[in-house]
Structures are given as structure tokens and as C-alpha cells.
Amino acid sequence: MRICVLSGSPKGKNSITFQTVKYIAMNHPECEFATLHVGQKIRSYERDMTAALETIRKADILLFCYPVYTFLAPSQLHRFIELLKGSGIDLSGKGAAQITTSKHFYDTTAHAYIRENCADLGLSWLGTLSADMDDLTKPEGQKAARDFWDLVLWRAEEGIAEPVFLPEKRPVPAYTRIYDLFDDMPKMDGKKVTIVADLREGDDSLAAMIDDFRARFPYESRLVNIAEYPFSGGCLGCFGCAADGKCIYKDGFDTFLREEIQSADAIVYAFTIRDHSMGARMKMYDDRQFCNGHRTVTMGSPTAYLIHGDLAAEANLRTVIDGRADVGRNFLAGIATDSGNLGTVADSLVYALENKVSLPQTFLGVGGMKIFRDLIWIMQGMMKADHEFYLEHGMYDFPQKEKATILKMKAVGAMISNPKIKSKMGSKMTEGMLMPYTKVLKQCAKELEKK
């Protein structure tokens, strides 16, 4: 069995994820592994894909190997997928699988992104191994790696594939401006709004959407086109910024990000859907924000999106958008698409700005931040800036600190475990649970009477 490993880490052979591939290869000498370090050598592949395409053609299975970066795969792997799909290569009849390492922060959305693109390429899906960063150092992690590859080979030999359900692609008409009459309307001061766009040549519909939004939006807005920003490259995962937040690149993006984008009262993101995501360029922007570490530095600021493309057919991308807002504690004022809801999104963003809307996090935010909380607590010696931020904002909300609540629950548990006491309590348990809320409602009634 010939395997082509597409290693998406910018660290190449020094990638932690790639060590699992090496371990599997050692245990399966009957398989022929050929590795393309596409994350590390993406600039080379942008110039010439010939050798890479030949290696891929010879393979029976494509094995995607990468660390999870910011909800998805690294931007370098995004770019390679763009090049691969743009080459027109026929991959039908081949299999595909993936190995990722992460702390399981939105590994599911990264996995879905790869599966969806493999389905576009006609590849049969054979399985996913989602490993923790240090799983390979443990016996159970080593067994999981062996079991995973045995499953992949069995599926390949038996012609069994996991189903990947993709909605039927629908043509998206060009966006036509409807708010051009507002172009010369005077704007209000007092709010700083930045539109971060991946606006490339040919993105006429997205450009029209941005023009319409800026015309319809009553406050001044500033457009930052990241397609024109002189990035030196995608995030290297080097952790050089962990202590002081300073990126190892000298392109000035960390300073530009903080002074020109994150200083805004609201951020609007604008892009055209490409390959089931925001595209490699916007993903590079996302990844390079790691100079902020795991700090939710814009929390409290509302956000919105302008998206050209069939978002209704991109459930995974919608989860990424919702998750980004919820983890960052940014109220999502809305997503304007080609369907014509741009005006309502603009109005919602204005309302959120003027009323400082802040709602509780859902599972997407709470679950994500608990992973970060535990990670930063353990790695506080290295991630000093993150640790200081988490301390300052009370983000170390470990449940074991709630000693009074724990003791109270033990007392309640002891009572309801006693049949006699439980029968006497009757409905008083529910009444007791409602007491704090009843107190709040009574206080609210008193305050309303005074008005």
C-alpha cells in the first residue's frame, strides 16, 4: 500500500503530529510512505506543483497530518489544498485519512474541513485520529495510533468508506448593490469600526457587499484588505510570542493587528467562501493572531460578517463563525450573505454597539474556554502573557474552588439519600432551589415600584 503523507505543519519533520506518522510507518514496513512537507515548503509548491502531483498520483492513500490551528488546519495546508484542487488532478478511487494533534479545541471543525475537501476531490474517507499533544508518549496513545492505522488499512482493503454528506452546490448569483443611494450620506462619529476583508481581483460581488454595508452603516468604517498586507508567512507555531506577545516575523503584523484592528469598537469580517472555509489568506490572518496567545483581547466588542457564497450549504463553516464569536465573547450581530439581509445586519451591529450587548456564552464558548483555562494553568511558566491575562480577568474558574457549594451539595445529597427525610421534604426541594431566584424577582419588583 502506497501512502502519500501531506504534512501540513510549518515545522516539517520536527512536527509533533508527524512523529505519529513515523511511529505508524515503523509498525507497518509493508506500507510505502512518501512524505510531502507541504506546510513547511508551501512557497516552493506555489511555484511548482509538478513533483508533488506525481507523488500524489502514485499513492493509494493520502494521509493528511497536521496540528489544529485556530479552529481549522494551518493556513499553509489551506493554501496547498487550493493549489491541489486548482491543478485539476483526478484522485477518484484513492482513499484519504487524517491525523491531528491538539488539545481538542475545535478539532472537530478542522476534521470536517479536510473531509469536505477530500469529498470534493473524489477521495474515499477512511478515518480520523485526533490525538492529544502527548498521546504518543503514552502506551494507550501508541495503541490508539496502531488501532487507527489497522482500521484505515482494513477499510481500504475492503472498500469501506465513511460517508461524507455534502449539500448539493447551488450557483450563487452576483451581488447587486441596493444601497448606493446612501453613498454620500454623512456619517456619525464616536464609534470606530474596522472591516477586515480578503478582497482579491475578481471578487466583485464581495466588493459590492462591502460598499453597500459601508453606505448603509451610519458610522464611519475603515477597510483593511488583508489580501494586500505584506505577510512574511503563516504562523510557524514556534511559541516565540508566548512570553511577550511579539511575533518572530519582522513584517509588523502584531503591532498592526493591535493598533489598527483590535483597537476598533467592532470588527466586520468579509470574505468569499473558498474550499469550505474563509480561504487561505483569511486563515493566515487568523493564525497570525496567535501573537495574542489564548487571550480574548477583544471581548465585549461586537462582530459581524459579510460573506459571498452559499453559506447555507456550509454547516461546518457556520460552526467556526459561531465558535469564534462565542469563545472570544464577541456578540455576533449577524452574517450578511447574498440573500439580501445586509441592512438588518448593519442595524443589528449599530444596536449592539450603542447598547453594549453582552450575552452568556453557549457550549461553543464555555467548552472552548475551559480547554484554554486548563492549558494555560499548566503552561503558565511558558505562556506568561496568557497567564497574567487569565489572572487579571478571573478566568481560572476551577470548580474545586467552590468549596462552600461543594459542601452544600454534599449535605443535600446526604438528605435525599435518606428515604425518610426525602419523603418529608416533598416539594420543598424545588422550593429551596427557587429561593435565590425568588429573592431576585422580589428585589426587581421593589425597584420597579420606586420608579
Protein backbone atom coordinates (compact mmCIF):
# COMPACT_ATOMS: atom_id res chain seq x y z
CA MET A 1 0.00 0.00 0.00
CA ARG A 2 1.48 3.33 -1.08
CA ILE A 3 0.84 6.24 1.26
CA CYS A 4 1.39 9.92 0.47
CA VAL A 5 1.68 11.91 3.69
CA LEU A 6 0.63 15.54 3.32
CA SER A 7 2.25 17.10 6.36
CA GLY A 8 0.62 20.47 6.99
CA SER A 9 2.75 21.63 9.90
CA PRO A 10 5.15 24.52 9.21
CA LYS A 11 7.67 22.62 11.35
CA GLY A 12 8.10 19.87 8.77
CA LYS A 13 9.86 16.77 10.08
CA ASN A 14 10.02 18.35 13.55
CA SER A 15 6.23 18.43 13.80
CA ILE A 16 4.80 16.62 16.83
CA THR A 17 1.98 15.31 14.64
CA PHE A 18 4.47 13.87 12.16
CA GLN A 19 6.01 11.73 14.91
CA THR A 20 2.81 9.68 14.98
CA VAL A 21 3.17 9.07 11.25
CA LYS A 22 6.74 7.89 11.81
CA TYR A 23 5.55 5.57 14.58
CA ILE A 24 2.89 4.07 12.31
CA ALA A 25 5.40 3.65 9.47
CA MET A 26 7.77 1.77 11.81
CA ASN A 27 4.96 -0.62 12.71
CA HIS A 28 3.94 -1.17 9.08
CA PRO A 29 7.04 -1.83 6.97
CA GLU A 30 4.77 -3.38 4.33
CA CYS A 31 3.41 0.11 3.56
CA GLU A 32 5.40 2.53 1.42
CA PHE A 33 5.31 6.05 2.90
CA ALA A 34 6.26 9.14 0.89
CA THR A 35 6.05 12.50 2.69
CA LEU A 36 5.42 15.95 1.29
CA HIS A 37 6.04 18.63 3.93
CA VAL A 38 3.54 20.96 2.30
CA GLY A 39 3.20 23.24 5.33
CA GLN A 40 6.91 23.93 5.57
CA LYS A 41 7.52 24.20 1.82
CA ILE A 42 4.33 25.91 0.66
CA ARG A 43 6.21 28.71 -1.11
CA SER A 44 8.01 26.10 -3.21
CA TYR A 45 4.74 24.40 -4.15
CA GLU A 46 3.23 27.74 -5.10
CA ARG A 47 5.96 27.97 -7.73
CA ASP A 48 5.79 24.38 -8.97
CA MET A 49 3.42 21.53 -8.07
CA THR A 50 4.74 19.07 -10.65
CA ALA A 51 6.73 16.75 -8.35
CA ALA A 52 4.07 16.85 -5.64
CA LEU A 53 1.31 15.91 -8.07
CA GLU A 54 3.35 12.97 -9.36
CA THR A 55 3.87 11.64 -5.82
CA ILE A 56 0.16 12.03 -5.09
CA ARG A 57 -0.81 10.22 -8.30
CA LYS A 58 1.25 7.19 -7.31
CA ALA A 59 -0.38 6.90 -3.87
CA ASP A 60 -3.24 4.64 -2.86
CA ILE A 61 -3.99 6.69 0.27
CA LEU A 62 -3.48 10.38 1.07
CA LEU A 63 -2.74 10.86 4.77
CA PHE A 64 -3.27 14.43 5.98
CA CYS A 65 -1.10 15.11 9.01
CA TYR A 66 -1.32 18.47 10.81
CA PRO A 67 -1.74 20.33 14.10
CA VAL A 68 -5.07 22.08 14.61
CA TYR A 69 -4.63 25.86 14.28
CA THR A 70 -7.46 28.26 15.15
CA PHE A 71 -10.50 26.00 14.56
CA LEU A 72 -9.10 24.55 11.33
CA ALA A 73 -5.93 23.33 9.63
CA PRO A 74 -2.90 25.65 9.34
CA SER A 75 -3.15 28.27 6.60
CA GLN A 76 -0.24 26.63 4.78
CA LEU A 77 -2.28 23.44 4.36
CA HIS A 78 -5.27 25.54 3.26
CA ARG A 79 -3.10 27.02 0.55
CA PHE A 80 -1.88 23.61 -0.58
CA ILE A 81 -5.46 22.38 -0.85
CA GLU A 82 -6.25 25.40 -3.01
CA LEU A 83 -3.33 24.50 -5.27
CA LEU A 84 -4.25 20.81 -5.32
CA LYS A 85 -7.86 21.47 -6.28
CA GLY A 86 -6.80 24.09 -8.80
CA SER A 87 -4.46 21.62 -10.52
CA GLY A 88 -7.39 19.58 -11.83
CA ILE A 89 -5.81 16.29 -10.66
CA ASP A 90 -8.09 13.23 -10.73
CA LEU A 91 -7.98 11.48 -7.34
CA SER A 92 -11.09 9.34 -7.70
CA GLY A 93 -10.59 5.80 -6.42
CA LYS A 94 -7.98 6.79 -3.83
CA GLY A 95 -8.53 6.85 -0.08
CA ALA A 96 -7.88 9.59 2.45
CA ALA A 97 -7.37 9.76 6.20
CA GLN A 98 -6.07 12.30 8.71
CA ILE A 99 -4.03 12.52 11.89
CA THR A 100 -4.18 15.64 14.03
CA THR A 101 -2.67 16.71 17.32
CA SER A 102 -4.23 19.38 19.51
CA LYS A 103 -5.72 19.99 22.94
CA HIS A 104 -9.05 19.13 21.28
CA PHE A 105 -10.03 22.78 20.91
CA TYR A 106 -12.34 22.60 17.88
CA ASP A 107 -10.55 19.63 16.38
CA THR A 108 -13.95 18.56 15.03
CA THR A 109 -14.26 21.58 12.75
CA ALA A 110 -10.72 21.05 11.45
CA HIS A 111 -11.53 17.41 10.70
CA ALA A 112 -14.75 18.32 8.88
CA TYR A 113 -12.90 20.88 6.76
CA ILE A 114 -10.45 18.24 5.49
CA ARG A 115 -13.19 15.65 4.95
CA GLU A 116 -15.27 18.09 2.90
CA ASN A 117 -12.37 18.98 0.63
CA CYS A 118 -11.45 15.33 0.19
CA ALA A 119 -15.03 14.65 -0.87
CA ASP A 120 -14.70 17.42 -3.47
CA LEU A 121 -11.60 15.66 -4.79
CA GLY A 122 -13.40 12.32 -5.10
CA LEU A 123 -11.45 10.65 -2.29
CA SER A 124 -12.98 7.90 -0.15
CA TRP A 125 -12.81 8.75 3.56
CA LEU A 126 -11.05 6.12 5.68
CA GLY A 127 -10.82 7.68 9.14
CA THR A 128 -9.50 10.25 11.61
CA LEU A 129 -7.10 10.03 14.55
CA SER A 130 -7.48 13.02 16.86
CA ALA A 131 -4.57 12.79 19.31
CA ASP A 132 -3.69 14.95 22.27
CA MET A 133 -0.28 16.58 22.03
CA ASP A 134 1.43 13.98 24.23
CA ASP A 135 -0.63 10.88 23.39
CA LEU A 136 2.22 9.18 21.54
CA THR A 137 4.34 9.23 24.72
CA LYS A 138 1.80 7.02 26.50
CA PRO A 139 1.06 3.30 25.95
CA GLU A 140 -2.65 3.95 25.38
CA GLY A 141 -1.82 6.64 22.80
CA GLN A 142 0.52 4.28 20.98
CA LYS A 143 -2.18 1.60 20.90
CA ALA A 144 -4.69 4.13 19.56
CA ALA A 145 -2.29 5.00 16.72
CA ARG A 146 -1.82 1.34 15.83
CA ASP A 147 -5.56 0.64 16.04
CA PHE A 148 -6.30 3.65 13.85
CA TRP A 149 -3.95 2.57 11.09
CA ASP A 150 -5.17 -1.03 11.21
CA LEU A 151 -8.69 0.33 10.73
CA VAL A 152 -7.59 2.53 7.81
CA LEU A 153 -5.90 -0.38 6.05
CA TRP A 154 -8.85 -2.70 6.66
CA ARG A 155 -11.27 -0.16 5.22
CA ALA A 156 -9.02 0.43 2.21
CA GLU A 157 -8.69 -3.27 1.50
CA GLU A 158 -12.41 -3.96 1.97
CA GLY A 159 -13.54 -0.90 0.03
CA ILE A 160 -15.37 0.53 3.03
CA ALA A 161 -15.53 4.28 3.49
CA GLU A 162 -17.11 6.65 5.99
CA PRO A 163 -19.90 8.68 4.39
CA VAL A 164 -19.30 12.41 3.92
CA PHE A 165 -22.52 14.30 3.33
CA LEU A 166 -22.17 17.43 1.24
CA PRO A 167 -25.19 19.52 0.24
CA GLU A 168 -25.72 19.99 -3.46
CA LYS A 169 -23.81 23.00 -4.65
CA ARG A 170 -26.03 25.84 -5.79
CA PRO A 171 -25.00 28.67 -8.09
CA VAL A 172 -24.68 31.99 -6.27
CA PRO A 173 -25.70 34.99 -8.35
CA ALA A 174 -23.56 38.09 -8.45
CA TYR A 175 -24.39 40.60 -5.74
CA THR A 176 -26.06 43.78 -6.96
CA ARG A 177 -25.85 46.92 -4.87
CA ILE A 178 -29.09 48.19 -3.35
CA TYR A 179 -27.81 50.92 -1.02
CA ASP A 180 -25.80 53.03 -3.47
CA LEU A 181 -28.14 55.96 -2.80
CA PHE A 182 -26.62 56.13 0.71
CA ASP A 183 -23.07 56.64 -0.63
CA ASP A 184 -22.98 60.39 0.02
CA MET A 185 -24.86 60.33 3.32
CA PRO A 186 -22.90 61.97 6.19
CA LYS A 187 -21.53 59.59 8.83
CA MET A 188 -21.68 59.81 12.61
CA ASP A 189 -18.59 59.92 14.82
CA GLY A 190 -18.00 58.18 18.12
CA LYS A 191 -17.53 54.57 17.02
CA LYS A 192 -14.50 53.00 15.38
CA VAL A 193 -15.43 50.13 13.08
CA THR A 194 -12.92 48.14 11.04
CA ILE A 195 -13.79 45.86 8.13
CA VAL A 196 -11.18 43.10 7.68
CA ALA A 197 -11.58 41.74 4.17
CA ASP A 198 -9.90 39.24 1.89
CA LEU A 199 -10.67 41.17 -1.24
CA ARG A 200 -8.91 39.78 -4.30
CA GLU A 201 -9.05 40.56 -8.00
CA GLY A 202 -12.34 39.23 -9.34
CA ASP A 203 -14.16 39.46 -6.00
CA ASP A 204 -16.64 41.91 -7.47
CA SER A 205 -19.63 40.62 -5.51
CA LEU A 206 -17.79 40.86 -2.19
CA ALA A 207 -16.58 44.36 -3.09
CA ALA A 208 -20.18 45.38 -3.82
CA MET A 209 -21.34 43.93 -0.49
CA ILE A 210 -18.66 45.89 1.36
CA ASP A 211 -19.59 49.09 -0.47
CA ASP A 212 -23.26 48.53 0.37
CA PHE A 213 -22.51 47.86 4.04
CA ARG A 214 -20.37 50.97 4.40
CA ALA A 215 -23.04 53.06 2.69
CA ARG A 216 -25.83 51.63 4.86
CA PHE A 217 -23.87 51.73 8.14
CA PRO A 218 -24.33 55.10 9.89
CA TYR A 219 -20.86 55.25 11.45
CA GLU A 220 -17.52 55.75 9.74
CA SER A 221 -15.77 52.49 8.89
CA ARG A 222 -12.24 51.63 7.83
CA LEU A 223 -11.45 48.90 5.30
CA VAL A 224 -8.37 46.72 5.83
CA ASN A 225 -7.74 44.43 2.86
CA ILE A 226 -5.52 41.63 4.12
CA ALA A 227 -5.05 40.41 0.55
CA GLU A 228 -2.69 43.39 0.24
CA TYR A 229 -0.92 43.06 3.59
CA PRO A 230 2.78 42.08 3.17
CA PHE A 231 2.71 38.94 5.33
CA SER A 232 6.10 37.24 5.62
CA GLY A 233 4.27 33.94 6.01
CA GLY A 234 1.79 31.94 8.04
CA CYS A 235 2.09 31.19 11.75
CA LEU A 236 5.07 28.91 12.44
CA GLY A 237 3.78 27.54 15.74
CA CYS A 238 7.15 28.43 17.24
CA PHE A 239 5.75 29.92 20.51
CA GLY A 240 8.25 32.76 20.18
CA CYS A 241 5.41 35.09 21.16
CA ALA A 242 4.40 33.13 24.27
CA ALA A 243 6.23 35.28 26.81
CA ASP A 244 5.78 38.81 25.46
CA GLY A 245 3.32 38.60 22.54
CA LYS A 246 5.96 39.63 20.00
CA CYS A 247 5.91 37.67 16.73
CA ILE A 248 9.18 36.28 15.36
CA TYR A 249 8.32 37.67 11.89
CA LYS A 250 9.51 41.20 11.15
CA ASP A 251 6.55 42.18 8.98
CA GLY A 252 4.98 44.26 11.76
CA PHE A 253 1.69 42.38 11.76
CA ASP A 254 1.48 42.03 15.55
CA THR A 255 1.67 45.81 16.01
CA PHE A 256 -0.65 46.45 13.05
CA LEU A 257 -3.18 43.98 14.46
CA ARG A 258 -3.29 45.62 17.87
CA GLU A 259 -3.21 49.24 16.77
CA GLU A 260 -5.25 49.19 13.57
CA ILE A 261 -7.72 46.32 14.01
CA GLN A 262 -8.20 45.22 17.60
CA SER A 263 -8.47 48.82 18.81
CA ALA A 264 -11.79 49.12 16.98
CA ASP A 265 -15.15 49.13 18.76
CA ALA A 266 -16.38 46.48 16.32
CA ILE A 267 -14.81 44.27 13.65
CA VAL A 268 -16.59 43.14 10.50
CA TYR A 269 -15.07 40.24 8.55
CA ALA A 270 -15.65 39.98 4.80
CA PHE A 271 -14.67 37.10 2.53
CA THR A 272 -15.75 34.84 -0.30
CA ILE A 273 -16.23 31.18 0.64
CA ARG A 274 -13.35 29.15 -0.78
CA ASP A 275 -12.94 25.40 -0.34
CA HIS A 276 -15.42 25.22 2.57
CA SER A 277 -13.61 27.92 4.53
CA MET A 278 -12.73 31.60 4.57
CA GLY A 279 -9.81 30.91 2.24
CA ALA A 280 -6.09 30.54 2.86
CA ARG A 281 -5.40 34.27 3.14
CA MET A 282 -8.03 34.93 5.82
CA LYS A 283 -6.86 31.78 7.56
CA MET A 284 -3.31 33.16 7.59
CA TYR A 285 -4.69 36.29 9.24
CA ASP A 286 -6.46 34.12 11.83
CA ASP A 287 -3.38 32.02 12.55
CA ARG A 288 -1.10 35.03 12.87
CA GLN A 289 -3.35 36.35 15.62
CA PHE A 290 -1.68 33.76 17.83
CA CYS A 291 0.66 36.61 18.80
CA ASN A 292 -2.20 37.26 21.27
CA GLY A 293 -1.86 33.70 22.52
CA HIS A 294 -5.09 32.43 24.05
CA ARG A 295 -6.16 35.88 25.26
CA THR A 296 -9.63 37.10 24.35
CA VAL A 297 -8.36 40.65 23.92
CA THR A 298 -11.40 41.93 22.02
CA MET A 299 -14.06 40.51 24.35
CA GLY A 300 -17.03 42.79 24.66
CA SER A 301 -16.68 44.09 21.11
CA PRO A 302 -19.46 43.00 18.73
CA THR A 303 -18.68 41.47 15.37
CA ALA A 304 -20.42 40.77 12.06
CA TYR A 305 -19.68 39.05 8.75
CA LEU A 306 -20.14 39.82 5.07
CA ILE A 307 -19.90 36.56 3.12
CA HIS A 308 -20.26 35.93 -0.59
CA GLY A 309 -21.14 32.30 -1.30
CA ASP A 310 -23.62 29.60 -0.39
CA LEU A 311 -23.25 29.73 3.41
CA ALA A 312 -26.43 27.68 3.84
CA ALA A 313 -24.50 24.70 2.40
CA GLU A 314 -21.53 25.19 4.76
CA ALA A 315 -22.65 23.98 8.19
CA ASN A 316 -19.09 23.45 9.42
CA LEU A 317 -18.01 26.96 8.41
CA ARG A 318 -21.04 28.36 10.25
CA THR A 319 -19.93 26.47 13.37
CA VAL A 320 -16.47 28.03 13.05
CA ILE A 321 -18.00 31.51 12.81
CA ASP A 322 -20.28 30.94 15.80
CA GLY A 323 -17.42 29.39 17.79
CA ARG A 324 -15.00 32.24 17.06
CA ALA A 325 -17.51 34.78 18.36
CA ASP A 326 -18.56 32.74 21.38
CA VAL A 327 -15.05 31.87 22.55
CA GLY A 328 -13.93 35.47 22.11
CA ARG A 329 -17.04 36.81 23.89
CA ASN A 330 -17.90 38.93 20.88
CA PHE A 331 -21.62 39.35 20.30
CA LEU A 332 -22.32 38.13 16.76
CA ALA A 333 -24.59 40.82 15.31
CA GLY A 334 -25.24 38.82 12.17
CA ILE A 335 -23.95 37.36 8.93
CA ALA A 336 -24.85 39.16 5.73
CA THR A 337 -24.90 36.95 2.65
CA ASP A 338 -26.02 37.38 -0.94
CA SER A 339 -29.61 36.74 0.20
CA GLY A 340 -30.15 40.44 0.89
CA ASN A 341 -30.04 40.69 4.71
CA LEU A 342 -27.20 43.21 4.73
CA GLY A 343 -29.36 46.05 6.04
CA THR A 344 -30.58 44.10 9.07
CA VAL A 345 -27.03 43.05 9.93
CA ALA A 346 -25.90 46.69 9.78
CA ASP A 347 -28.79 47.73 12.04
CA SER A 348 -28.06 44.90 14.49
CA LEU A 349 -24.41 45.91 14.71
CA VAL A 350 -25.40 49.50 15.43
CA TYR A 351 -27.74 48.33 18.20
CA ALA A 352 -25.04 46.10 19.69
CA LEU A 353 -22.52 48.95 19.64
CA GLU A 354 -24.82 51.54 21.16
CA ASN A 355 -26.29 49.23 23.81
CA LYS A 356 -23.13 47.26 24.63
CA VAL A 357 -24.92 43.94 24.12
CA SER A 358 -23.33 41.05 26.00
CA LEU A 359 -25.00 37.64 26.27
CA PRO A 360 -23.93 34.44 28.09
CA GLN A 361 -21.71 32.00 26.24
CA THR A 362 -23.12 28.79 24.84
CA PHE A 363 -21.44 25.39 24.84
CA LEU A 364 -19.24 26.57 21.96
CA GLY A 365 -17.69 29.28 24.14
CA VAL A 366 -17.84 27.67 27.57
CA GLY A 367 -16.34 24.38 26.38
CA GLY A 368 -13.62 26.08 24.37
CA MET A 369 -12.56 28.37 27.21
CA LYS A 370 -12.40 25.52 29.73
CA ILE A 371 -9.86 23.82 27.48
CA PHE A 372 -7.83 27.04 27.31
CA ARG A 373 -8.17 27.62 31.05
CA ASP A 374 -6.70 24.23 31.92
CA LEU A 375 -3.99 24.53 29.24
CA ILE A 376 -2.76 27.94 30.37
CA TRP A 377 -2.80 26.95 34.03
CA ILE A 378 -0.47 24.03 33.30
CA MET A 379 1.73 26.01 30.88
CA GLN A 380 1.77 29.30 32.82
CA GLY A 381 5.55 29.17 33.16
CA MET A 382 5.95 29.47 29.38
CA MET A 383 2.76 31.32 28.40
CA LYS A 384 3.35 34.19 30.79
CA ALA A 385 1.28 36.80 28.95
CA ASP A 386 -1.68 34.42 28.77
CA HIS A 387 -1.34 33.56 32.46
CA GLU A 388 -1.33 37.20 33.53
CA PHE A 389 -4.39 37.89 31.36
CA TYR A 390 -6.29 34.94 32.81
CA LEU A 391 -5.45 36.01 36.35
CA GLU A 392 -6.50 39.60 35.69
CA HIS A 393 -9.85 38.61 34.20
CA GLY A 394 -10.73 35.87 36.70
CA MET A 395 -10.66 33.15 34.06
CA TYR A 396 -9.30 30.45 36.35
CA ASP A 397 -12.80 29.42 37.42
CA PHE A 398 -11.88 25.91 38.54
CA PRO A 399 -14.88 24.15 40.13
CA GLN A 400 -12.78 22.82 43.02
CA LYS A 401 -12.52 26.38 44.28
CA GLU A 402 -16.27 26.46 45.03
CA LYS A 403 -15.79 24.77 48.42
CA ALA A 404 -18.95 26.20 50.01
CA THR A 405 -21.11 24.97 47.11
CA ILE A 406 -19.48 21.55 47.21
CA LEU A 407 -20.21 21.20 50.96
CA LYS A 408 -23.78 22.36 50.43
CA MET A 409 -24.32 19.78 47.69
CA LYS A 410 -22.90 17.06 49.92
CA ALA A 411 -25.40 17.98 52.62
CA VAL A 412 -28.29 17.94 50.13
CA GLY A 413 -27.08 14.63 48.72
CA ALA A 414 -26.99 13.09 52.20
CA MET A 415 -30.56 14.21 52.88
CA ILE A 416 -32.08 12.92 49.66
CA SER A 417 -30.25 9.63 50.11
CA ASN A 418 -32.25 9.06 53.30
CA PRO A 419 -35.75 7.73 52.37
CA LYS A 420 -37.44 9.17 55.48
CA ILE A 421 -36.00 12.66 55.05
CA LYS A 422 -36.71 12.55 51.32
CA SER A 423 -40.39 11.70 51.87
CA LYS A 424 -40.79 14.55 54.37
CA MET A 425 -39.15 17.05 52.05
CA GLY A 426 -41.76 16.58 49.30
CA SER A 427 -41.84 19.62 47.06
CA LYS A 428 -39.63 21.64 49.42
CA MET A 429 -36.58 20.65 47.36
CA THR A 430 -37.92 22.58 44.39
CA GLU A 431 -38.93 25.48 46.62
CA GLY A 432 -35.44 25.59 48.10
CA MET A 433 -33.86 25.65 44.65
CA LEU A 434 -36.07 28.57 43.67
CA MET A 435 -35.33 30.70 46.76
CA PRO A 436 -32.40 32.68 45.27
CA TYR A 437 -34.43 33.45 42.14
CA THR A 438 -37.50 34.45 44.15
CA LYS A 439 -35.30 36.89 46.04
CA VAL A 440 -34.12 38.45 42.77
CA LEU A 441 -37.67 38.84 41.47
CA LYS A 442 -38.87 40.44 44.70
CA GLN A 443 -35.99 42.91 44.62
CA CYS A 444 -36.78 43.71 40.99
CA ALA A 445 -40.44 44.37 41.91
CA LYS A 446 -39.38 46.77 44.68
CA GLU A 447 -37.09 48.69 42.33
CA LEU A 448 -39.82 48.98 39.72
CA GLU A 449 -42.28 50.32 42.32
CA LYS A 450 -39.87 53.14 43.16
CA LYS A 451 -39.72 54.31 39.53
